[in-house]
Protein backbone atom coordinates (compact mmCIF):
# COMPACT_ATOMS: atom_id res chain seq x y z
CA MET A 1 -53.45 -11.03 30.93
CA ASP A 2 -57.03 -10.14 32.06
CA ILE A 3 -58.26 -13.73 32.67
CA GLU A 4 -60.22 -14.95 35.66
CA PRO A 5 -60.19 -18.51 36.96
CA GLY A 6 -62.43 -20.81 34.98
CA GLU A 7 -62.16 -18.72 31.81
CA LEU A 8 -60.74 -19.49 28.47
CA THR A 9 -59.37 -17.25 25.73
CA VAL A 10 -60.67 -17.72 22.27
CA GLY A 11 -57.49 -19.55 21.28
CA GLN A 12 -57.80 -21.88 24.26
CA LEU A 13 -61.51 -22.49 23.50
CA SER A 14 -60.56 -23.21 19.91
CA GLN A 15 -57.81 -25.63 20.86
CA ARG A 16 -59.81 -27.44 23.53
CA SER A 17 -62.96 -27.76 21.34
CA GLY A 18 -61.28 -28.41 18.00
CA VAL A 19 -63.29 -25.65 16.46
CA ALA A 20 -61.70 -22.87 14.42
CA ILE A 21 -61.65 -19.42 16.00
CA SER A 22 -63.64 -18.04 13.06
CA ALA A 23 -66.40 -20.68 13.83
CA LEU A 24 -66.42 -19.68 17.46
CA HIS A 25 -66.86 -15.96 16.40
CA PHE A 26 -69.75 -17.07 14.15
CA TYR A 27 -71.35 -19.00 16.98
CA GLU A 28 -71.13 -15.93 19.15
CA ARG A 29 -72.66 -13.68 16.42
CA GLN A 30 -75.52 -16.26 16.21
CA ASN A 31 -75.96 -15.98 20.07
CA LEU A 32 -75.13 -19.65 20.52
CA ILE A 33 -72.26 -18.86 22.98
CA VAL A 34 -71.39 -15.71 24.88
CA SER A 35 -68.16 -14.11 26.00
CA ARG A 36 -67.21 -11.23 28.10
CA ARG A 37 -64.85 -8.58 26.90
CA THR A 38 -61.72 -7.57 28.72
CA ALA A 39 -60.44 -3.92 29.09
CA GLY A 40 -58.47 -4.67 25.96
CA ASN A 41 -61.61 -5.86 24.09
CA GLN A 42 -60.41 -9.55 24.14
CA ARG A 43 -63.01 -12.33 24.49
CA ARG A 44 -63.10 -14.50 27.53
CA TYR A 45 -65.35 -17.55 27.77
CA LYS A 46 -66.61 -19.53 30.70
CA ARG A 47 -65.26 -23.04 30.79
CA ASP A 48 -68.77 -24.45 30.41
CA THR A 49 -68.81 -22.97 26.88
CA LEU A 50 -66.84 -26.07 25.89
CA ARG A 51 -69.92 -28.15 26.47
CA ARG A 52 -72.07 -25.75 24.57
CA VAL A 53 -69.70 -25.83 21.60
CA ALA A 54 -69.64 -29.68 21.72
CA LEU A 55 -73.39 -29.68 21.56
CA ILE A 56 -73.41 -27.38 18.62
CA ARG A 57 -70.99 -29.49 16.70
CA ILE A 58 -72.84 -32.72 17.39
CA ALA A 59 -76.17 -31.11 16.39
CA GLN A 60 -74.59 -29.78 13.16
CA ARG A 61 -73.20 -33.24 12.41
CA VAL A 62 -76.72 -34.78 12.45
CA GLY A 63 -78.25 -31.88 10.51
CA ILE A 64 -80.04 -30.03 13.23
CA PRO A 65 -80.38 -26.23 12.13
CA LEU A 66 -78.62 -23.75 14.20
CA ALA A 67 -81.87 -21.97 14.92
CA GLU A 68 -83.05 -25.15 16.71
CA VAL A 69 -79.70 -25.41 18.59
CA ALA A 70 -80.09 -21.80 19.65
CA ALA A 71 -83.55 -22.45 21.02
CA ILE A 72 -82.33 -25.32 23.08
CA LEU A 73 -79.23 -23.51 24.35
CA ALA A 74 -81.47 -20.62 25.41
CA LEU A 75 -83.07 -22.98 27.93
CA LEU A 76 -79.80 -23.31 29.81
CA PRO A 77 -79.01 -20.82 32.59
CA GLU A 78 -76.65 -17.99 31.71
CA SER A 79 -76.07 -16.90 35.31
CA ARG A 80 -74.46 -20.21 36.44
CA THR A 81 -72.77 -23.25 35.12
CA PRO A 82 -75.50 -25.69 33.86
CA THR A 83 -75.98 -28.82 35.91
CA ARG A 84 -76.47 -32.38 34.96
CA GLN A 85 -80.15 -31.83 35.51
CA ASP A 86 -80.12 -28.80 33.09
CA TRP A 87 -78.45 -30.84 30.44
CA GLY A 88 -80.87 -33.72 31.01
CA ARG A 89 -83.85 -31.38 30.70
CA ILE A 90 -82.77 -29.94 27.33
CA SER A 91 -81.83 -33.42 25.99
CA GLU A 92 -85.45 -34.44 26.50
CA CYS A 93 -86.53 -31.72 24.20
CA TRP A 94 -84.83 -33.43 21.24
CA GLN A 95 -85.90 -37.05 21.93
CA ALA A 96 -88.87 -37.17 19.56
CA GLU A 97 -87.14 -35.17 16.87
CA LEU A 98 -84.05 -37.41 17.03
CA ALA A 99 -86.06 -40.56 16.93
CA LYS A 100 -87.89 -39.22 13.78
CA ARG A 101 -84.48 -38.41 12.15
CA ILE A 102 -83.20 -41.85 12.93
CA LEU A 103 -86.32 -43.39 11.36
CA HIS A 104 -85.86 -41.28 8.20
CA LEU A 105 -82.17 -42.27 7.99
CA GLU A 106 -83.00 -45.94 8.40
CA GLN A 107 -85.62 -45.67 5.74
CA LEU A 108 -83.18 -44.11 3.43
CA ARG A 109 -80.52 -46.67 4.10
CA ASP A 110 -82.90 -49.61 3.66
CA ASP A 111 -85.22 -48.42 0.86
CA VAL A 112 -83.24 -46.11 -1.39
CA LYS A 113 -82.07 -49.00 -3.64
CA ASP A 114 -85.72 -49.82 -4.29
CA CYS A 115 -88.48 -47.60 -5.37
CA VAL A 116 -88.85 -44.52 -3.19
CA GLY A 117 -92.23 -43.70 -4.61
CA CYS A 118 -91.17 -40.73 -6.64
CA GLY A 119 -93.53 -41.45 -9.55
CA CYS A 120 -90.74 -41.69 -12.09
CA LEU A 121 -91.42 -45.42 -12.97
CA SER A 122 -87.87 -45.46 -14.29
CA LEU A 123 -86.56 -48.49 -12.33
CA ASP A 124 -87.32 -51.87 -13.63
CA ARG A 125 -88.99 -52.79 -10.28
CA CYS A 126 -91.29 -49.66 -10.25
CA ALA A 127 -94.03 -51.55 -12.13
CA LEU A 128 -94.06 -54.10 -9.22
CA ALA A 129 -93.41 -51.79 -6.36
CA ASN A 130 -95.60 -48.90 -7.47
CA PRO A 131 -98.04 -50.38 -10.10
CA TYR A 132 -99.80 -47.78 -12.23
CA ASP A 133 -98.02 -45.05 -10.27
CA ALA A 134 -100.42 -45.59 -7.36
CA LEU A 135 -98.16 -43.48 -5.08
CA GLY A 136 -98.61 -40.49 -7.46
CA GLY A 137 -102.03 -40.12 -6.08
CA LYS A 138 -100.57 -39.50 -2.59
CA GLY A 139 -98.64 -36.36 -3.71
CA ALA A 140 -95.43 -35.35 -5.26
CA GLY A 141 -92.04 -36.52 -4.02
CA ALA A 142 -90.62 -39.69 -2.49
CA GLN A 143 -93.85 -41.09 -1.01
CA ARG A 144 -92.22 -44.18 0.43
CA LEU A 145 -89.50 -42.32 2.26
CA VAL A 146 -91.54 -39.10 3.12
CA ASN A 147 -94.49 -40.37 5.24
CA THR A 148 -96.76 -37.75 6.73
CA GLY A 149 -98.61 -40.39 8.85
CA GLY A 150 -95.69 -40.47 11.34
CA GLU A 151 -95.21 -44.23 11.23
CA PRO A 152 -92.57 -46.15 9.41
CA CYS A 153 -93.17 -46.49 5.62
CA HIS A 154 -91.76 -49.61 4.04
CA PRO A 155 -92.27 -51.22 0.55
CA GLY A 156 -95.48 -53.12 0.41
CA LYS A 157 -97.02 -51.21 3.36
CA CYS A 158 -97.61 -47.82 1.76
CA ALA A 159 -99.00 -48.52 -1.68
């Protein structure tokens, strides 16, 4: 078997990461992970690919598009195993975006049962929460949950 110390076969990477082999092949086609090929054309992955796959899976779980994941992973060195500092540096790139996502999820959790400012006036509370469809003047869509000002938008503060 043409395997060097610190390398994993695609089966080993799949087993260790909990990700299907087909998904690993997909990640590789999307340039999210890389492998080297043996003389027999088998894939071999550096052990640090496990951490990259974990980051991909976590990002997918919270809805970060793979294009954004690829951009972040491109900041990691290919010629050596990324250090704690490397991982810390790329995590800083996502701080503002993750804070915004958390805010939007909290708004959805807290406000979806009330008027979301869609302009439908179909809920019995809409006449109180959005009298005369005042939020319709701010544009289409869920104006209470989609706030272009960048600050939290809660009932009573937006209309």
